[in-house]
C-alpha atoms as a PDB file:
ATOM      1  CA  MET A   1     129.977 128.697  76.210  1.00  0.00           C
ATOM      2  CA  ASP A   2     133.419 130.314  76.602  1.00  0.00           C
ATOM      3  CA  GLY A   3     134.619 130.533  80.164  1.00  0.00           C
ATOM      4  CA  ASP A   4     131.973 128.249  81.580  1.00  0.00           C
ATOM      5  CA  LEU A   5     134.429 125.769  83.125  1.00  0.00           C
ATOM      6  CA  GLY A   6     136.490 128.403  84.910  1.00  0.00           C
ATOM      7  CA  ASP A   7     133.487 130.373  86.113  1.00  0.00           C
ATOM      8  CA  PHE A   8     131.768 127.228  87.356  1.00  0.00           C
ATOM      9  CA  LEU A   9     134.821 125.988  89.261  1.00  0.00           C
ATOM     10  CA  ARG A  10     135.404 129.422  90.845  1.00  0.00           C
ATOM     11  CA  SER A  11     131.745 129.601  91.929  1.00  0.00           C
ATOM     12  CA  ARG A  12     132.022 126.135  93.506  1.00  0.00           C
ATOM     13  CA  ARG A  13     135.302 127.043  95.276  1.00  0.00           C
ATOM     14  CA  ALA A  14     133.707 130.139  96.743  1.00  0.00           C
ATOM     15  CA  ARG A  15     131.021 128.225  98.606  1.00  0.00           C
ATOM     16  CA  ILE A  16     133.451 125.838 100.459  1.00  0.00           C
ATOM     17  CA  GLN A  17     135.110 127.201 103.579  1.00  0.00           C
ATOM     18  CA  PRO A  18     138.596 125.905 104.464  1.00  0.00           C
ATOM     19  CA  GLU A  19     137.518 124.611 107.855  1.00  0.00           C
ATOM     20  CA  GLU A  20     134.822 122.461 106.212  1.00  0.00           C
ATOM     21  CA  VAL A  21     137.559 120.362 104.519  1.00  0.00           C
ATOM     22  CA  GLY A  22     139.989 120.394 107.421  1.00  0.00           C
ATOM     23  CA  LEU A  23     142.193 123.249 106.371  1.00  0.00           C
ATOM     24  CA  PRO A  24     143.157 126.249 108.492  1.00  0.00           C
ATOM     25  CA  SER A  25     141.559 129.502 107.383  1.00  0.00           C
ATOM     26  CA  HIS A  26     144.726 131.606 107.942  1.00  0.00           C
ATOM     27  CA  GLY A  27     142.693 134.625 108.924  1.00  0.00           C
ATOM     28  CA  ARG A  28     141.100 136.994 106.440  1.00  0.00           C
ATOM     29  CA  ARG A  29     141.119 136.033 102.793  1.00  0.00           C
ATOM     30  CA  ARG A  30     140.906 138.177  99.720  1.00  0.00           C
ATOM     31  CA  VAL A  31     138.396 135.895  98.086  1.00  0.00           C
ATOM     32  CA  PRO A  32     135.713 133.678  99.691  1.00  0.00           C
ATOM     33  CA  GLY A  33     136.085 129.956  99.872  1.00  0.00           C
ATOM     34  CA  LEU A  34     138.990 127.740  98.866  1.00  0.00           C
ATOM     35  CA  ARG A  35     142.088 128.894  97.017  1.00  0.00           C
ATOM     36  CA  ARG A  36     143.102 127.154  93.787  1.00  0.00           C
ATOM     37  CA  GLU A  37     146.174 125.635  95.414  1.00  0.00           C
ATOM     38  CA  GLU A  38     144.016 124.201  98.158  1.00  0.00           C
ATOM     39  CA  VAL A  39     141.697 122.548  95.653  1.00  0.00           C
ATOM     40  CA  ALA A  40     144.698 121.119  93.847  1.00  0.00           C
ATOM     41  CA  GLN A  41     146.186 119.792  97.087  1.00  0.00           C
ATOM     42  CA  LEU A  42     142.946 118.138  98.147  1.00  0.00           C
ATOM     43  CA  ALA A  43     142.261 116.706  94.671  1.00  0.00           C
ATOM     44  CA  GLY A  44     145.837 115.294  94.337  1.00  0.00           C
ATOM     45  CA  VAL A  45     146.881 117.262  91.286  1.00  0.00           C
ATOM     46  CA  SER A  46     149.615 119.893  90.814  1.00  0.00           C
ATOM     47  CA  VAL A  47     148.683 123.528  91.283  1.00  0.00           C
ATOM     48  CA  ASP A  48     149.819 124.347  87.734  1.00  0.00           C
ATOM     49  CA  TYR A  49     147.600 121.610  86.349  1.00  0.00           C
ATOM     50  CA  TYR A  50     144.548 122.862  88.249  1.00  0.00           C
ATOM     51  CA  VAL A  51     145.216 126.489  87.325  1.00  0.00           C
ATOM     52  CA  ARG A  52     145.462 125.589  83.631  1.00  0.00           C
ATOM     53  CA  LEU A  53     142.294 123.574  83.906  1.00  0.00           C
ATOM     54  CA  GLU A  54     140.391 126.431  85.560  1.00  0.00           C
ATOM     55  CA  GLN A  55     141.688 128.815  82.892  1.00  0.00           C
ATOM     56  CA  GLY A  56     140.591 126.513  80.071  1.00  0.00           C
ATOM     57  CA  ARG A  57     144.172 125.915  78.914  1.00  0.00           C
ATOM     58  CA  GLY A  58     144.548 122.340  80.203  1.00  0.00           C
ATOM     59  CA  PRO A  59     144.844 119.104  78.253  1.00  0.00           C
ATOM     60  CA  SER A  60     142.051 116.571  78.047  1.00  0.00           C
ATOM     61  CA  VAL A  61     141.296 115.824  81.652  1.00  0.00           C
ATOM     62  CA  SER A  62     140.544 112.352  82.957  1.00  0.00           C
ATOM     63  CA  ASP A  63     137.438 111.174  84.726  1.00  0.00           C
ATOM     64  CA  ALA A  64     139.526 110.465  87.812  1.00  0.00           C
ATOM     65  CA  VAL A  65     140.683 114.072  88.105  1.00  0.00           C
ATOM     66  CA  LEU A  66     137.205 115.452  87.529  1.00  0.00           C
ATOM     67  CA  ASP A  67     135.788 113.027  90.096  1.00  0.00           C
ATOM     68  CA  ALA A  68     138.368 114.170  92.631  1.00  0.00           C
ATOM     69  CA  ILE A  69     137.627 117.812  91.992  1.00  0.00           C
ATOM     70  CA  ALA A  70     133.907 117.187  92.283  1.00  0.00           C
ATOM     71  CA  ARG A  71     134.444 115.404  95.579  1.00  0.00           C
ATOM     72  CA  VAL A  72     136.594 118.282  96.988  1.00  0.00           C
ATOM     73  CA  LEU A  73     134.063 120.872  95.939  1.00  0.00           C
ATOM     74  CA  ARG A  74     131.149 118.794  97.232  1.00  0.00           C
ATOM     75  CA  MET A  75     129.227 118.737  93.979  1.00  0.00           C
ATOM     76  CA  ASN A  76     125.933 116.950  93.814  1.00  0.00           C
ATOM     77  CA  GLU A  77     125.165 114.478  91.026  1.00  0.00           C
ATOM     78  CA  THR A  78     123.886 117.138  88.592  1.00  0.00           C
ATOM     79  CA  GLU A  79     126.838 119.465  89.181  1.00  0.00           C
ATOM     80  CA  HIS A  80     129.261 116.554  88.739  1.00  0.00           C
ATOM     81  CA  ALA A  81     127.682 115.640  85.378  1.00  0.00           C
ATOM     82  CA  TYR A  82     127.745 119.313  84.324  1.00  0.00           C
ATOM     83  CA  LEU A  83     131.463 119.495  85.270  1.00  0.00           C
ATOM     84  CA  ARG A  84     132.297 116.547  82.989  1.00  0.00           C
ATOM     85  CA  THR A  85     130.314 118.166  80.163  1.00  0.00           C
ATOM     86  CA  VAL A  86     131.880 121.633  80.286  1.00  0.00           C
ATOM     87  CA  ALA A  87     135.385 120.218  80.887  1.00  0.00           C
ATOM     88  CA  ARG A  88     135.143 118.199  77.708  1.00  0.00           C
ATOM     89  CA  PRO A  89     132.799 120.055  75.369  1.00  0.00           C
ATOM     90  CA  PRO A  90     132.009 118.530  72.006  1.00  0.00           C
ATOM     91  CA  LYS A  91     134.292 119.674  69.192  1.00  0.00           C
ATOM     92  CA  LYS A  92     133.030 122.574  67.203  1.00  0.00           C
ATOM     93  CA  GLY A  93     132.433 122.306  63.512  1.00  0.00           C
ATOM     94  CA  GLY A  94     130.461 119.944  61.357  1.00  0.00           C
ATOM     95  CA  ARG A  95     126.896 120.425  60.348  1.00  0.00           C
ATOM     96  CA  ARG A  96     125.098 123.241  62.090  1.00  0.00           C
ATOM     97  CA  ARG A  97     122.195 122.172  64.299  1.00  0.00           C
ATOM     98  CA  SER A  98     118.807 122.976  62.827  1.00  0.00           C
ATOM     99  CA  ALA A  99     115.861 124.454  64.728  1.00  0.00           C
ATOM    100  CA  PRO A 100     113.910 121.583  66.363  1.00  0.00           C
ATOM    101  CA  ARG A 101     110.564 120.580  64.819  1.00  0.00           C
ATOM    102  CA  VAL A 102     107.855 118.621  66.571  1.00  0.00           C
ATOM    103  CA  ARG A 103     106.787 115.405  64.852  1.00  0.00           C
ATOM    104  CA  PRO A 104     103.034 115.109  64.034  1.00  0.00           C
ATOM    105  CA  GLY A 105     102.844 112.050  66.269  1.00  0.00           C
ATOM    106  CA  ILE A 106     103.996 114.121  69.259  1.00  0.00           C
ATOM    107  CA  GLN A 107     101.294 116.755  68.527  1.00  0.00           C
ATOM    108  CA  LEU A 108      98.668 113.989  68.389  1.00  0.00           C
ATOM    109  CA  LEU A 109      99.888 112.730  71.802  1.00  0.00           C
ATOM    110  CA  LEU A 110      99.515 116.236  73.222  1.00  0.00           C
ATOM    111  CA  ASP A 111      96.048 116.625  71.776  1.00  0.00           C
ATOM    112  CA  SER A 112      94.963 113.298  73.311  1.00  0.00           C
ATOM    113  CA  MET A 113      95.768 114.692  76.754  1.00  0.00           C
ATOM    114  CA  ASP A 114      92.615 116.775  76.775  1.00  0.00           C
ATOM    115  CA  ARG A 115      92.386 117.022  80.563  1.00  0.00           C
ATOM    116  CA  THR A 116      96.075 117.787  81.082  1.00  0.00           C
ATOM    117  CA  PRO A 117      97.840 120.992  80.074  1.00  0.00           C
ATOM    118  CA  ALA A 118     100.893 119.813  78.159  1.00  0.00           C
ATOM    119  CA  PHE A 119     103.508 121.373  75.893  1.00  0.00           C
ATOM    120  CA  VAL A 120     106.886 120.636  74.348  1.00  0.00           C
ATOM    121  CA  LEU A 121     110.053 122.546  75.282  1.00  0.00           C
ATOM    122  CA  GLY A 122     113.235 122.855  73.151  1.00  0.00           C
ATOM    123  CA  PRO A 123     116.756 123.163  74.587  1.00  0.00           C
ATOM    124  CA  ARG A 124     116.474 127.007  74.802  1.00  0.00           C
ATOM    125  CA  MET A 125     113.157 126.488  76.676  1.00  0.00           C
ATOM    126  CA  ASP A 126     111.211 127.614  73.621  1.00  0.00           C
ATOM    127  CA  VAL A 127     107.650 126.356  73.557  1.00  0.00           C
ATOM    128  CA  LEU A 128     107.510 124.277  70.360  1.00  0.00           C
ATOM    129  CA  ALA A 129     104.016 122.741  70.602  1.00  0.00           C
ATOM    130  CA  TRP A 130     101.080 122.616  72.982  1.00  0.00           C
ATOM    131  CA  ASN A 131      97.565 121.222  73.485  1.00  0.00           C
ATOM    132  CA  ALA A 132      94.338 123.183  73.853  1.00  0.00           C
ATOM    133  CA  LEU A 133      94.290 123.231  77.676  1.00  0.00           C
ATOM    134  CA  ALA A 134      97.906 124.407  77.816  1.00  0.00           C
ATOM    135  CA  ASP A 135      96.937 127.181  75.381  1.00  0.00           C
ATOM    136  CA  ALA A 136      93.948 128.149  77.557  1.00  0.00           C
ATOM    137  CA  LEU A 137      96.294 128.246  80.554  1.00  0.00           C
ATOM    138  CA  SER A 138      99.249 130.102  79.031  1.00  0.00           C
ATOM    139  CA  GLY A 139      97.990 131.714  75.787  1.00  0.00           C
ATOM    140  CA  PHE A 140     100.772 130.353  73.560  1.00  0.00           C
ATOM    141  CA  SER A 141      98.803 130.748  70.326  1.00  0.00           C
ATOM    142  CA  ARG A 142      98.354 134.460  70.983  1.00  0.00           C
ATOM    143  CA  MET A 143     102.056 135.081  71.481  1.00  0.00           C
ATOM    144  CA  ALA A 144     104.573 136.080  68.833  1.00  0.00           C
ATOM    145  CA  PRO A 145     106.930 133.140  68.158  1.00  0.00           C
ATOM    146  CA  ALA A 146     109.877 134.976  69.860  1.00  0.00           C
ATOM    147  CA  ARG A 147     107.823 135.378  73.052  1.00  0.00           C
ATOM    148  CA  ARG A 148     107.065 131.628  73.292  1.00  0.00           C
ATOM    149  CA  ASN A 149     110.009 131.123  75.546  1.00  0.00           C
ATOM    150  CA  ILE A 150     109.782 130.289  79.246  1.00  0.00           C
ATOM    151  CA  VAL A 151     112.862 132.287  80.190  1.00  0.00           C
ATOM    152  CA  ARG A 152     111.775 135.396  78.382  1.00  0.00           C
ATOM    153  CA  GLN A 153     108.342 135.050  79.964  1.00  0.00           C
ATOM    154  CA  VAL A 154     109.761 134.858  83.490  1.00  0.00           C
ATOM    155  CA  PHE A 155     112.292 137.721  83.147  1.00  0.00           C
ATOM    156  CA  LEU A 156     111.053 140.036  80.378  1.00  0.00           C
ATOM    157  CA  ASP A 157     107.232 139.781  80.453  1.00  0.00           C
ATOM    158  CA  PRO A 158     105.860 142.747  82.482  1.00  0.00           C
ATOM    159  CA  ASP A 159     103.280 140.360  83.968  1.00  0.00           C
ATOM    160  CA  GLY A 160     105.750 137.677  84.828  1.00  0.00           C
ATOM    161  CA  ARG A 161     105.958 138.469  88.538  1.00  0.00           C
ATOM    162  CA  ASP A 162     102.197 138.561  88.832  1.00  0.00           C
ATOM    163  CA  LEU A 163     101.856 135.295  86.954  1.00  0.00           C
ATOM    164  CA  TYR A 164     104.123 133.429  89.404  1.00  0.00           C
ATOM    165  CA  PRO A 165     103.406 134.122  93.103  1.00  0.00           C
ATOM    166  CA  ASP A 166     106.726 132.320  93.905  1.00  0.00           C
ATOM    167  CA  TRP A 167     108.624 134.310  91.261  1.00  0.00           C
ATOM    168  CA  ALA A 168     112.027 134.250  92.928  1.00  0.00           C
ATOM    169  CA  ALA A 169     112.028 130.474  93.181  1.00  0.00           C
ATOM    170  CA  VAL A 170     110.704 130.071  89.661  1.00  0.00           C
ATOM    171  CA  ALA A 171     113.372 132.458  88.297  1.00  0.00           C
ATOM    172  CA  ALA A 172     116.215 130.641  90.021  1.00  0.00           C
ATOM    173  CA  GLN A 173     114.967 127.228  88.877  1.00  0.00           C
ATOM    174  CA  THR A 174     114.509 128.475  85.299  1.00  0.00           C
ATOM    175  CA  VAL A 175     118.100 129.818  85.052  1.00  0.00           C
ATOM    176  CA  ALA A 176     119.575 126.692  86.639  1.00  0.00           C
ATOM    177  CA  HIS A 177     117.815 124.533  84.027  1.00  0.00           C
ATOM    178  CA  LEU A 178     118.889 126.785  81.162  1.00  0.00           C
ATOM    179  CA  ARG A 179     122.469 126.729  82.417  1.00  0.00           C
ATOM    180  CA  LEU A 180     122.430 122.935  82.453  1.00  0.00           C
ATOM    181  CA  ASN A 181     121.116 122.871  78.857  1.00  0.00           C
ATOM    182  CA  ALA A 182     123.722 125.388  77.771  1.00  0.00           C
ATOM    183  CA  GLY A 183     126.526 123.213  79.140  1.00  0.00           C
ATOM    184  CA  ALA A 184     125.203 120.125  77.340  1.00  0.00           C
ATOM    185  CA  ARG A 185     124.550 121.956  74.053  1.00  0.00           C
ATOM    186  CA  PRO A 186     127.130 124.702  73.544  1.00  0.00           C
ATOM    187  CA  ASP A 187     126.428 124.831  69.802  1.00  0.00           C
ATOM    188  CA  GLU A 188     122.668 125.190  70.114  1.00  0.00           C
ATOM    189  CA  PRO A 189     121.529 127.895  67.541  1.00  0.00           C
ATOM    190  CA  GLY A 190     120.467 131.107  69.238  1.00  0.00           C
ATOM    191  CA  LEU A 191     121.330 130.081  72.815  1.00  0.00           C
ATOM    192  CA  ARG A 192     124.212 132.489  73.143  1.00  0.00           C
ATOM    193  CA  GLU A 193     122.052 135.292  71.726  1.00  0.00           C
ATOM    194  CA  LEU A 194     119.288 134.454  74.220  1.00  0.00           C
ATOM    195  CA  VAL A 195     121.615 134.589  77.171  1.00  0.00           C
ATOM    196  CA  GLY A 196     123.092 137.864  75.928  1.00  0.00           C
ATOM    197  CA  GLU A 197     119.678 139.437  75.467  1.00  0.00           C
ATOM    198  CA  LEU A 198     118.484 138.451  78.914  1.00  0.00           C
ATOM    199  CA  SER A 199     121.745 139.549  80.542  1.00  0.00           C
ATOM    200  CA  LEU A 200     121.373 143.021  79.015  1.00  0.00           C
ATOM    201  CA  LYS A 201     117.677 143.424  79.786  1.00  0.00           C
ATOM    202  CA  SER A 202     117.316 141.797  83.197  1.00  0.00           C
ATOM    203  CA  GLU A 203     119.566 142.441  86.183  1.00  0.00           C
ATOM    204  CA  ASP A 204     117.892 139.486  87.950  1.00  0.00           C
ATOM    205  CA  PHE A 205     118.797 137.119  85.119  1.00  0.00           C
ATOM    206  CA  ARG A 206     122.375 138.459  85.013  1.00  0.00           C
ATOM    207  CA  ARG A 207     122.815 137.871  88.706  1.00  0.00           C
ATOM    208  CA  LEU A 208     121.335 134.359  88.638  1.00  0.00           C
ATOM    209  CA  TRP A 209     123.345 133.362  85.558  1.00  0.00           C
ATOM    210  CA  ALA A 210     126.559 134.454  87.266  1.00  0.00           C
ATOM    211  CA  ASP A 211     125.745 132.176  90.201  1.00  0.00           C
ATOM    212  CA  HIS A 212     126.342 129.080  87.955  1.00  0.00           C
ATOM    213  CA  GLN A 213     123.672 126.979  89.615  1.00  0.00           C
ATOM    214  CA  VAL A 214     122.742 123.936  87.598  1.00  0.00           C
ATOM    215  CA  LYS A 215     119.630 121.842  88.129  1.00  0.00           C
ATOM    216  CA  ALA A 216     117.477 119.550  86.048  1.00  0.00           C
ATOM    217  CA  CYS A 217     113.874 120.638  86.679  1.00  0.00           C
ATOM    218  CA  MET A 218     112.115 117.438  85.717  1.00  0.00           C
ATOM    219  CA  TYR A 219     109.347 117.530  88.253  1.00  0.00           C
ATOM    220  CA  GLY A 220     107.959 119.718  91.000  1.00  0.00           C
ATOM    221  CA  VAL A 221     105.130 122.109  91.780  1.00  0.00           C
ATOM    222  CA  LYS A 222     104.531 125.516  90.332  1.00  0.00           C
ATOM    223  CA  ARG A 223     101.870 128.019  91.367  1.00  0.00           C
ATOM    224  CA  VAL A 224     100.346 130.151  88.637  1.00  0.00           C
ATOM    225  CA  ARG A 225      97.869 133.005  88.973  1.00  0.00           C
ATOM    226  CA  HIS A 226      95.545 132.908  85.940  1.00  0.00           C
ATOM    227  CA  PRO A 227      93.355 135.919  85.123  1.00  0.00           C
ATOM    228  CA  VAL A 228      90.254 133.768  84.688  1.00  0.00           C
ATOM    229  CA  ALA A 229      90.903 130.550  86.674  1.00  0.00           C
ATOM    230  CA  GLY A 230      92.578 132.252  89.623  1.00  0.00           C
ATOM    231  CA  LEU A 231      95.398 130.740  91.685  1.00  0.00           C
ATOM    232  CA  LEU A 232      96.406 127.267  90.484  1.00  0.00           C
ATOM    233  CA  THR A 233      98.719 124.835  92.202  1.00  0.00           C
ATOM    234  CA  LEU A 234     100.214 122.756  89.408  1.00  0.00           C
ATOM    235  CA  PRO A 235     102.445 119.749  89.979  1.00  0.00           C
ATOM    236  CA  TYR A 236     104.356 118.956  86.800  1.00  0.00           C
ATOM    237  CA  GLU A 237     106.259 116.094  85.218  1.00  0.00           C
ATOM    238  CA  SER A 238     108.816 116.445  82.403  1.00  0.00           C
ATOM    239  CA  LEU A 239     109.362 113.580  79.997  1.00  0.00           C
ATOM    240  CA  SER A 240     112.391 113.434  77.740  1.00  0.00           C
ATOM    241  CA  LEU A 241     111.711 111.932  74.268  1.00  0.00           C
ATOM    242  CA  PRO A 242     114.233 109.196  73.450  1.00  0.00           C
ATOM    243  CA  SER A 243     113.693 109.736  69.705  1.00  0.00           C
ATOM    244  CA  GLU A 244     113.998 113.559  70.066  1.00  0.00           C
ATOM    245  CA  PRO A 245     116.701 114.193  72.702  1.00  0.00           C
ATOM    246  CA  ASP A 246     116.403 117.996  72.303  1.00  0.00           C
ATOM    247  CA  GLN A 247     112.698 118.023  73.146  1.00  0.00           C
ATOM    248  CA  THR A 248     110.898 117.570  76.507  1.00  0.00           C
ATOM    249  CA  ILE A 249     107.152 117.144  77.153  1.00  0.00           C
ATOM    250  CA  VAL A 250     106.021 119.088  80.216  1.00  0.00           C
ATOM    251  CA  ALA A 251     102.610 118.059  81.664  1.00  0.00           C
ATOM    252  CA  TYR A 252     100.794 119.671  84.572  1.00  0.00           C
ATOM    253  CA  THR A 253      99.246 116.921  86.745  1.00  0.00           C
ATOM    254  CA  PRO A 254      96.914 118.277  89.465  1.00  0.00           C
ATOM    255  CA  GLU A 255      95.393 115.868  91.858  1.00  0.00           C
ATOM    256  CA  PRO A 256      92.024 114.586  90.520  1.00  0.00           C
ATOM    257  CA  GLY A 257      89.183 116.225  92.365  1.00  0.00           C
ATOM    258  CA  SER A 258      91.346 119.042  93.678  1.00  0.00           C
ATOM    259  CA  GLU A 259      90.365 122.675  93.387  1.00  0.00           C
ATOM    260  CA  THR A 260      93.007 123.249  90.736  1.00  0.00           C
ATOM    261  CA  ALA A 261      91.738 120.276  88.677  1.00  0.00           C
ATOM    262  CA  GLU A 262      88.228 121.659  88.852  1.00  0.00           C
ATOM    263  CA  ARG A 263      89.376 125.114  87.840  1.00  0.00           C
ATOM    264  CA  LEU A 264      91.315 123.670  84.897  1.00  0.00           C
ATOM    265  CA  ALA A 265      88.200 121.805  83.765  1.00  0.00           C
ATOM    266  CA  LEU A 266      86.205 124.993  83.899  1.00  0.00           C
ATOM    267  CA  LEU A 267      88.959 126.857  82.026  1.00  0.00           C
ATOM    268  CA  GLY A 268      88.939 124.177  79.309  1.00  0.00           C
ATOM    269  CA  SER A 269      85.195 124.470  78.949  1.00  0.00           C
ATOM    270  CA  TRP A 270      85.381 128.238  78.835  1.00  0.00           C
ATOM    271  CA  ALA A 271      88.142 128.148  76.226  1.00  0.00           C
ATOM    272  CA  SER A 272      86.262 125.639  74.042  1.00  0.00           C
ATOM    273  CA  THR A 273      83.329 128.053  73.690  1.00  0.00           C
ATOM    274  CA  GLY A 274      85.692 130.601  72.098  1.00  0.00           C
ATOM    275  CA  ALA A 275      84.983 133.158  74.827  1.00  0.00           C
END
């Protein structure tokens, strides 16, 4: 997206204090963190070169320069990869990307996981497919297609904060993952519109998006409060599909015999009766 590189670099500069990298602070500063000329000095490039890079006016930048900037700004592995992506975005043009479709074989795989809630996410975090237990847990089949989106659910659903007891952490994680996807797929259909809609409708989303945090949320634990099953502690694993790089299977994997596993089994039985 336009301005991503400059905004990202400025946000990373702001979190590094001069004394952390061996520079004098020179008293009060107008902006937090490192100045652009200080980043340029530490990275071994000219100030003009770095300024043009941050403004998106620079030439094609080398891996060596990006590596030096990432080192100065103390980026982790995910941030470093994101920097390389937004500094050299794919050229626009060519055939427009079509909306992702889930192959029948992937749906069969989901359906075979009858004891595990599992679903497929697209690059905008739209829910593209799911199995019966995931539907019993999240009610995807009862949602309008536009509402089958994890980001909209977290920020725009009136029940979102009740659904996630750890809402603040879930919200930050969700935006960081969407930001990472946006950097990797700047031409993704509808992504710009999704970010614009959420920025207008949610102050929390707007603030978190401006923080420019990037994180691949491939595994972890999420707590969900279900109206029938109660409070569930759900470890999850995300599996990228080599044949479908824009799709990810997310599966909740509670410990066998745990209270959450037992509650999910009861929820599945309840849902199968059509109650």
